[in-house]
Amino acid sequence: MADRAPVRTNNSALIAMIADEDTITGFLLAGVGNVDLRRKTNYLIVDSKTTVKQIEDAFKEFTTREDIAIVLISQYVANMVRFLVDSYNKPIPAILEIPSKDHPYDPAHDSVLSRVKYLFSTESVASDRR
């Protein structure tokens, strides 16, 4: 119990997004967007001109901001920075991979799903030993 990460309990938290323009637009229309006093947004629109470095920087920024509880990232974008997504292990903000219009969801590349499968496989092995 002592090694668990403390969960922040502020009154409100944001959802950050790293995705293509259509996905970001849909979430902005739903009211998820935010611009703070320093003109920093809670989203990154990824297009053909976006570099991997920009995606890495946005991912690192969003996962260290205190006001973000969930980071939604398109799966094809997550594949570009897979090493960062797979090495991220904090409970908050949670990282969720989502499909996009042009790139369908592939469960074989989903880091959350692979962790769940791993947990269930180790639990089944542990229960067999009892």
N, C-alpha and C. Protein backbone atom coordinates (compact mmCIF):
# COMPACT_ATOMS: atom_id res chain seq x y z
N MET A 1 0.81 -1.20 0.00
CA MET A 1 0.00 0.00 0.00
C MET A 1 0.86 1.26 0.00
N ALA A 2 2.03 1.21 0.58
CA ALA A 2 2.87 2.40 0.68
C ALA A 2 3.45 2.81 -0.66
N ASP A 3 3.56 1.88 -1.61
CA ASP A 3 4.18 2.22 -2.88
C ASP A 3 3.18 2.72 -3.92
N ARG A 4 1.93 2.89 -3.56
CA ARG A 4 0.93 3.40 -4.49
C ARG A 4 1.10 4.90 -4.68
N ALA A 5 0.86 5.34 -5.89
CA ALA A 5 0.95 6.77 -6.19
C ALA A 5 -0.28 7.48 -5.64
N PRO A 6 -0.08 8.64 -5.01
CA PRO A 6 -1.24 9.37 -4.50
C PRO A 6 -2.09 9.90 -5.64
N VAL A 7 -3.39 9.83 -5.49
CA VAL A 7 -4.32 10.30 -6.51
C VAL A 7 -4.72 11.72 -6.16
N ARG A 8 -4.53 12.62 -7.11
CA ARG A 8 -4.90 14.02 -6.89
C ARG A 8 -6.41 14.15 -6.80
N THR A 9 -6.85 15.03 -5.95
CA THR A 9 -8.29 15.24 -5.79
C THR A 9 -8.62 16.72 -5.92
N ASN A 10 -8.45 17.29 -7.09
CA ASN A 10 -8.88 18.65 -7.32
C ASN A 10 -10.31 18.62 -7.85
N ASN A 11 -10.97 19.76 -7.78
CA ASN A 11 -12.38 19.81 -8.11
C ASN A 11 -12.67 19.56 -9.59
N SER A 12 -11.77 19.94 -10.46
CA SER A 12 -12.00 19.70 -11.88
C SER A 12 -10.69 19.34 -12.55
N ALA A 13 -10.81 18.57 -13.60
CA ALA A 13 -9.63 18.16 -14.35
C ALA A 13 -10.00 18.16 -15.83
N LEU A 14 -8.98 18.24 -16.65
CA LEU A 14 -9.17 18.33 -18.10
C LEU A 14 -8.89 17.02 -18.80
N ILE A 15 -9.40 16.91 -20.00
CA ILE A 15 -9.05 15.83 -20.91
C ILE A 15 -8.14 16.44 -21.97
N ALA A 16 -6.96 15.89 -22.16
CA ALA A 16 -6.04 16.34 -23.20
C ALA A 16 -6.17 15.42 -24.40
N MET A 17 -5.87 15.94 -25.59
CA MET A 17 -6.02 15.15 -26.80
C MET A 17 -4.83 15.35 -27.72
N ILE A 18 -4.39 14.26 -28.32
CA ILE A 18 -3.38 14.28 -29.37
C ILE A 18 -3.96 13.45 -30.50
N ALA A 19 -4.40 14.12 -31.56
CA ALA A 19 -5.11 13.39 -32.62
C ALA A 19 -5.16 14.23 -33.89
N ASP A 20 -5.84 13.68 -34.90
CA ASP A 20 -6.00 14.38 -36.17
C ASP A 20 -7.04 15.50 -36.01
N GLU A 21 -7.12 16.35 -37.01
CA GLU A 21 -7.97 17.54 -36.93
C GLU A 21 -9.45 17.20 -36.75
N ASP A 22 -9.95 16.19 -37.45
CA ASP A 22 -11.36 15.83 -37.33
C ASP A 22 -11.71 15.36 -35.91
N THR A 23 -10.86 14.55 -35.33
CA THR A 23 -11.10 14.06 -33.97
C THR A 23 -11.06 15.20 -32.96
N ILE A 24 -10.06 16.05 -33.08
CA ILE A 24 -9.94 17.20 -32.17
C ILE A 24 -11.16 18.11 -32.31
N THR A 25 -11.57 18.37 -33.55
CA THR A 25 -12.73 19.24 -33.78
C THR A 25 -13.98 18.68 -33.12
N GLY A 26 -14.19 17.38 -33.23
CA GLY A 26 -15.35 16.76 -32.59
C GLY A 26 -15.33 16.94 -31.08
N PHE A 27 -14.18 16.74 -30.47
CA PHE A 27 -14.09 16.92 -29.02
C PHE A 27 -14.21 18.39 -28.62
N LEU A 28 -13.67 19.30 -29.44
CA LEU A 28 -13.81 20.72 -29.14
C LEU A 28 -15.28 21.15 -29.21
N LEU A 29 -16.01 20.62 -30.19
CA LEU A 29 -17.44 20.92 -30.29
C LEU A 29 -18.22 20.36 -29.11
N ALA A 30 -17.71 19.30 -28.51
CA ALA A 30 -18.35 18.72 -27.33
C ALA A 30 -17.98 19.47 -26.05
N GLY A 31 -17.07 20.44 -26.16
CA GLY A 31 -16.74 21.26 -25.00
C GLY A 31 -15.52 20.83 -24.23
N VAL A 32 -14.67 20.03 -24.82
CA VAL A 32 -13.50 19.50 -24.11
C VAL A 32 -12.31 20.45 -24.16
N GLY A 33 -12.29 21.41 -25.09
CA GLY A 33 -11.13 22.28 -25.27
C GLY A 33 -10.92 23.27 -24.14
N ASN A 34 -9.68 23.66 -23.95
CA ASN A 34 -9.33 24.63 -22.93
C ASN A 34 -8.08 25.40 -23.36
N VAL A 35 -8.07 26.70 -23.10
CA VAL A 35 -6.89 27.54 -23.30
C VAL A 35 -6.67 28.27 -21.99
N ASP A 36 -5.48 28.11 -21.40
CA ASP A 36 -5.23 28.75 -20.11
C ASP A 36 -4.70 30.17 -20.29
N LEU A 37 -4.37 30.81 -19.21
CA LEU A 37 -3.91 32.21 -19.25
C LEU A 37 -2.62 32.39 -20.03
N ARG A 38 -1.80 31.35 -20.09
CA ARG A 38 -0.54 31.41 -20.85
C ARG A 38 -0.73 31.01 -22.30
N ARG A 39 -1.99 30.88 -22.74
CA ARG A 39 -2.36 30.50 -24.11
C ARG A 39 -1.94 29.08 -24.45
N LYS A 40 -1.83 28.22 -23.45
CA LYS A 40 -1.52 26.80 -23.66
C LYS A 40 -2.84 26.05 -23.80
N THR A 41 -2.91 25.19 -24.82
CA THR A 41 -4.13 24.41 -25.04
C THR A 41 -3.97 23.02 -24.45
N ASN A 42 -5.07 22.30 -24.41
CA ASN A 42 -5.05 20.92 -23.93
C ASN A 42 -5.16 19.93 -25.09
N TYR A 43 -4.70 20.33 -26.27
CA TYR A 43 -4.76 19.44 -27.43
C TYR A 43 -3.63 19.75 -28.40
N LEU A 44 -3.30 18.74 -29.20
CA LEU A 44 -2.34 18.90 -30.29
C LEU A 44 -2.96 18.28 -31.54
N ILE A 45 -3.09 19.08 -32.58
CA ILE A 45 -3.59 18.58 -33.86
C ILE A 45 -2.41 18.03 -34.64
N VAL A 46 -2.51 16.74 -34.99
CA VAL A 46 -1.44 16.07 -35.73
C VAL A 46 -1.83 16.00 -37.20
N ASP A 47 -0.96 16.55 -38.04
CA ASP A 47 -1.16 16.45 -39.48
C ASP A 47 0.15 16.03 -40.13
N SER A 48 0.22 16.13 -41.43
CA SER A 48 1.42 15.67 -42.15
C SER A 48 2.65 16.52 -41.82
N LYS A 49 2.47 17.73 -41.31
CA LYS A 49 3.59 18.61 -40.99
C LYS A 49 4.06 18.47 -39.54
N THR A 50 3.32 17.74 -38.73
CA THR A 50 3.68 17.58 -37.32
C THR A 50 4.84 16.60 -37.19
N THR A 51 5.86 16.99 -36.47
CA THR A 51 7.03 16.12 -36.29
C THR A 51 6.82 15.20 -35.08
N VAL A 52 7.57 14.12 -35.06
CA VAL A 52 7.52 13.20 -33.93
C VAL A 52 7.97 13.91 -32.65
N LYS A 53 8.91 14.82 -32.77
CA LYS A 53 9.39 15.59 -31.62
C LYS A 53 8.26 16.42 -31.02
N GLN A 54 7.43 17.02 -31.85
CA GLN A 54 6.29 17.80 -31.35
C GLN A 54 5.30 16.90 -30.62
N ILE A 55 5.08 15.70 -31.15
CA ILE A 55 4.18 14.76 -30.49
C ILE A 55 4.76 14.31 -29.16
N GLU A 56 6.06 14.01 -29.14
CA GLU A 56 6.73 13.63 -27.89
C GLU A 56 6.62 14.74 -26.85
N ASP A 57 6.88 15.96 -27.27
CA ASP A 57 6.82 17.09 -26.34
C ASP A 57 5.42 17.29 -25.78
N ALA A 58 4.40 17.18 -26.64
CA ALA A 58 3.01 17.32 -26.18
C ALA A 58 2.65 16.21 -25.22
N PHE A 59 3.05 14.97 -25.52
CA PHE A 59 2.75 13.84 -24.64
C PHE A 59 3.39 14.06 -23.28
N LYS A 60 4.67 14.46 -23.27
CA LYS A 60 5.37 14.71 -22.00
C LYS A 60 4.72 15.85 -21.23
N GLU A 61 4.33 16.90 -21.94
CA GLU A 61 3.69 18.04 -21.27
C GLU A 61 2.35 17.63 -20.66
N PHE A 62 1.51 16.95 -21.44
CA PHE A 62 0.19 16.57 -20.96
C PHE A 62 0.26 15.58 -19.79
N THR A 63 1.23 14.70 -19.80
CA THR A 63 1.33 13.71 -18.72
C THR A 63 1.97 14.28 -17.46
N THR A 64 2.51 15.48 -17.52
CA THR A 64 3.07 16.10 -16.32
C THR A 64 2.24 17.26 -15.79
N ARG A 65 1.25 17.69 -16.55
CA ARG A 65 0.40 18.79 -16.08
C ARG A 65 -0.52 18.31 -14.97
N GLU A 66 -0.65 19.12 -13.94
CA GLU A 66 -1.46 18.78 -12.77
C GLU A 66 -2.96 18.84 -13.06
N ASP A 67 -3.37 19.59 -14.06
CA ASP A 67 -4.79 19.79 -14.32
C ASP A 67 -5.38 18.82 -15.33
N ILE A 68 -4.62 17.84 -15.77
CA ILE A 68 -5.10 16.88 -16.77
C ILE A 68 -5.29 15.51 -16.12
N ALA A 69 -6.48 14.93 -16.34
CA ALA A 69 -6.80 13.62 -15.76
C ALA A 69 -6.76 12.50 -16.79
N ILE A 70 -7.01 12.82 -18.04
CA ILE A 70 -7.05 11.81 -19.11
C ILE A 70 -6.36 12.38 -20.34
N VAL A 71 -5.55 11.55 -21.00
CA VAL A 71 -4.96 11.93 -22.28
C VAL A 71 -5.51 10.97 -23.32
N LEU A 72 -6.27 11.51 -24.26
CA LEU A 72 -6.77 10.72 -25.39
C LEU A 72 -5.78 10.89 -26.53
N ILE A 73 -5.32 9.78 -27.07
CA ILE A 73 -4.37 9.84 -28.17
C ILE A 73 -4.81 8.87 -29.26
N SER A 74 -4.85 9.34 -30.48
CA SER A 74 -5.21 8.46 -31.59
C SER A 74 -4.19 7.34 -31.68
N GLN A 75 -4.67 6.15 -31.96
CA GLN A 75 -3.78 5.00 -31.94
C GLN A 75 -2.65 5.12 -32.96
N TYR A 76 -2.93 5.67 -34.13
CA TYR A 76 -1.85 5.79 -35.11
C TYR A 76 -0.80 6.81 -34.65
N VAL A 77 -1.21 7.82 -33.89
CA VAL A 77 -0.27 8.78 -33.32
C VAL A 77 0.52 8.11 -32.20
N ALA A 78 -0.17 7.32 -31.38
CA ALA A 78 0.50 6.61 -30.30
C ALA A 78 1.57 5.67 -30.84
N ASN A 79 1.33 5.09 -32.01
CA ASN A 79 2.33 4.22 -32.62
C ASN A 79 3.60 4.98 -32.98
N MET A 80 3.48 6.27 -33.25
CA MET A 80 4.66 7.08 -33.55
C MET A 80 5.54 7.30 -32.32
N VAL A 81 4.92 7.30 -31.15
CA VAL A 81 5.67 7.50 -29.89
C VAL A 81 5.40 6.32 -28.95
N ARG A 82 5.36 5.13 -29.53
CA ARG A 82 5.01 3.92 -28.77
C ARG A 82 5.90 3.73 -27.55
N PHE A 83 7.19 4.04 -27.67
CA PHE A 83 8.10 3.86 -26.55
C PHE A 83 7.69 4.73 -25.36
N LEU A 84 7.16 5.92 -25.59
CA LEU A 84 6.69 6.78 -24.50
C LEU A 84 5.40 6.25 -23.89
N VAL A 85 4.48 5.85 -24.76
CA VAL A 85 3.18 5.36 -24.28
C VAL A 85 3.36 4.08 -23.47
N ASP A 86 4.18 3.16 -23.96
CA ASP A 86 4.37 1.90 -23.26
C ASP A 86 5.14 2.06 -21.96
N SER A 87 6.02 3.05 -21.88
CA SER A 87 6.80 3.23 -20.66
C SER A 87 6.07 4.07 -19.61
N TYR A 88 4.98 4.72 -19.98
CA TYR A 88 4.21 5.52 -19.04
C TYR A 88 3.45 4.59 -18.10
N ASN A 89 3.60 4.78 -16.78
CA ASN A 89 2.98 3.83 -15.84
C ASN A 89 2.26 4.50 -14.68
N LYS A 90 1.95 5.76 -14.76
CA LYS A 90 1.23 6.44 -13.69
C LYS A 90 -0.28 6.29 -13.89
N PRO A 91 -1.04 6.26 -12.79
CA PRO A 91 -2.49 6.11 -12.94
C PRO A 91 -3.19 7.36 -13.44
N ILE A 92 -2.65 8.52 -13.10
CA ILE A 92 -3.25 9.79 -13.51
C ILE A 92 -2.17 10.68 -14.08
N PRO A 93 -2.32 11.21 -15.24
CA PRO A 93 -3.45 11.04 -16.14
C PRO A 93 -3.45 9.68 -16.83
N ALA A 94 -4.64 9.17 -17.03
CA ALA A 94 -4.80 7.90 -17.74
C ALA A 94 -4.60 8.14 -19.24
N ILE A 95 -3.94 7.20 -19.89
CA ILE A 95 -3.70 7.30 -21.33
C ILE A 95 -4.67 6.34 -22.03
N LEU A 96 -5.51 6.86 -22.91
CA LEU A 96 -6.45 6.04 -23.65
C LEU A 96 -6.22 6.23 -25.15
N GLU A 97 -6.03 5.12 -25.84
CA GLU A 97 -5.86 5.16 -27.29
C GLU A 97 -7.21 5.03 -27.96
N ILE A 98 -7.46 5.92 -28.90
CA ILE A 98 -8.76 5.94 -29.58
C ILE A 98 -8.55 5.80 -31.09
N PRO A 99 -9.57 5.30 -31.80
CA PRO A 99 -9.45 5.20 -33.27
C PRO A 99 -9.66 6.57 -33.90
N SER A 100 -9.30 6.68 -35.15
CA SER A 100 -9.58 7.90 -35.91
C SER A 100 -10.33 7.51 -37.18
N LYS A 101 -10.78 8.51 -37.87
CA LYS A 101 -11.58 8.27 -39.07
C LYS A 101 -10.80 7.50 -40.13
N ASP A 102 -9.54 7.84 -40.31
CA ASP A 102 -8.74 7.23 -41.37
C ASP A 102 -7.95 6.01 -40.94
N HIS A 103 -7.83 5.80 -39.64
CA HIS A 103 -7.03 4.69 -39.13
C HIS A 103 -7.86 3.90 -38.12
N PRO A 104 -8.31 2.70 -38.49
CA PRO A 104 -9.15 1.92 -37.58
C PRO A 104 -8.37 1.44 -36.35
N TYR A 105 -9.12 1.13 -35.32
CA TYR A 105 -8.54 0.66 -34.06
C TYR A 105 -7.98 -0.74 -34.24
N ASP A 106 -6.78 -0.97 -33.71
CA ASP A 106 -6.13 -2.28 -33.75
C ASP A 106 -5.83 -2.70 -32.31
N PRO A 107 -6.58 -3.63 -31.75
CA PRO A 107 -6.37 -4.02 -30.36
C PRO A 107 -4.98 -4.59 -30.08
N ALA A 108 -4.29 -5.07 -31.11
CA ALA A 108 -2.95 -5.62 -30.91
C ALA A 108 -1.94 -4.55 -30.51
N HIS A 109 -2.22 -3.29 -30.83
CA HIS A 109 -1.28 -2.21 -30.51
C HIS A 109 -1.70 -1.39 -29.29
N ASP A 110 -2.82 -1.70 -28.67
CA ASP A 110 -3.32 -0.91 -27.55
C ASP A 110 -2.55 -1.25 -26.28
N SER A 111 -1.86 -0.27 -25.70
CA SER A 111 -1.02 -0.51 -24.52
C SER A 111 -1.86 -0.86 -23.29
N VAL A 112 -3.03 -0.25 -23.14
CA VAL A 112 -3.88 -0.56 -21.99
C VAL A 112 -4.39 -1.98 -22.09
N LEU A 113 -4.86 -2.36 -23.25
CA LEU A 113 -5.38 -3.72 -23.44
C LEU A 113 -4.29 -4.76 -23.23
N SER A 114 -3.08 -4.49 -23.68
CA SER A 114 -2.00 -5.45 -23.49
C SER A 114 -1.64 -5.58 -22.01
N ARG A 115 -1.72 -4.49 -21.25
CA ARG A 115 -1.46 -4.56 -19.81
C ARG A 115 -2.54 -5.36 -19.09
N VAL A 116 -3.79 -5.16 -19.51
CA VAL A 116 -4.89 -5.93 -18.90
C VAL A 116 -4.72 -7.41 -19.19
N LYS A 117 -4.39 -7.75 -20.42
CA LYS A 117 -4.16 -9.16 -20.78
C LYS A 117 -3.03 -9.75 -19.94
N TYR A 118 -1.97 -8.97 -19.75
CA TYR A 118 -0.83 -9.42 -18.95
C TYR A 118 -1.26 -9.67 -17.50
N LEU A 119 -2.05 -8.75 -16.94
CA LEU A 119 -2.51 -8.90 -15.56
C LEU A 119 -3.37 -10.15 -15.41
N PHE A 120 -4.29 -10.36 -16.35
CA PHE A 120 -5.14 -11.54 -16.26
C PHE A 120 -4.36 -12.83 -16.46
N SER A 121 -3.35 -12.80 -17.30
CA SER A 121 -2.56 -14.01 -17.51
C SER A 121 -1.73 -14.33 -16.27
N THR A 122 -1.20 -13.32 -15.58
CA THR A 122 -0.43 -13.58 -14.36
C THR A 122 -1.34 -13.98 -13.22
N GLU A 123 -2.57 -13.44 -13.19
CA GLU A 123 -3.51 -13.85 -12.15
C GLU A 123 -3.93 -15.31 -12.34
N SER A 124 -4.14 -15.72 -13.59
CA SER A 124 -4.55 -17.09 -13.84
C SER A 124 -3.42 -18.06 -13.50
N VAL A 125 -2.19 -17.65 -13.75
CA VAL A 125 -1.05 -18.48 -13.39
C VAL A 125 -0.94 -18.58 -11.87
N ALA A 126 -1.14 -17.46 -11.17
CA ALA A 126 -1.07 -17.45 -9.71
C ALA A 126 -2.20 -18.28 -9.10
N SER A 127 -3.40 -18.23 -9.68
CA SER A 127 -4.51 -19.01 -9.14
C SER A 127 -4.32 -20.50 -9.39
N ASP A 128 -3.63 -20.86 -10.46
CA ASP A 128 -3.36 -22.27 -10.73
C ASP A 128 -2.37 -22.86 -9.72
N ARG A 129 -1.54 -22.02 -9.15
CA ARG A 129 -0.54 -22.50 -8.20
C ARG A 129 -1.12 -22.74 -6.83
N ARG A 130 -2.30 -22.23 -6.55
CA ARG A 130 -2.90 -22.39 -5.22
C ARG A 130 -3.40 -23.78 -4.98
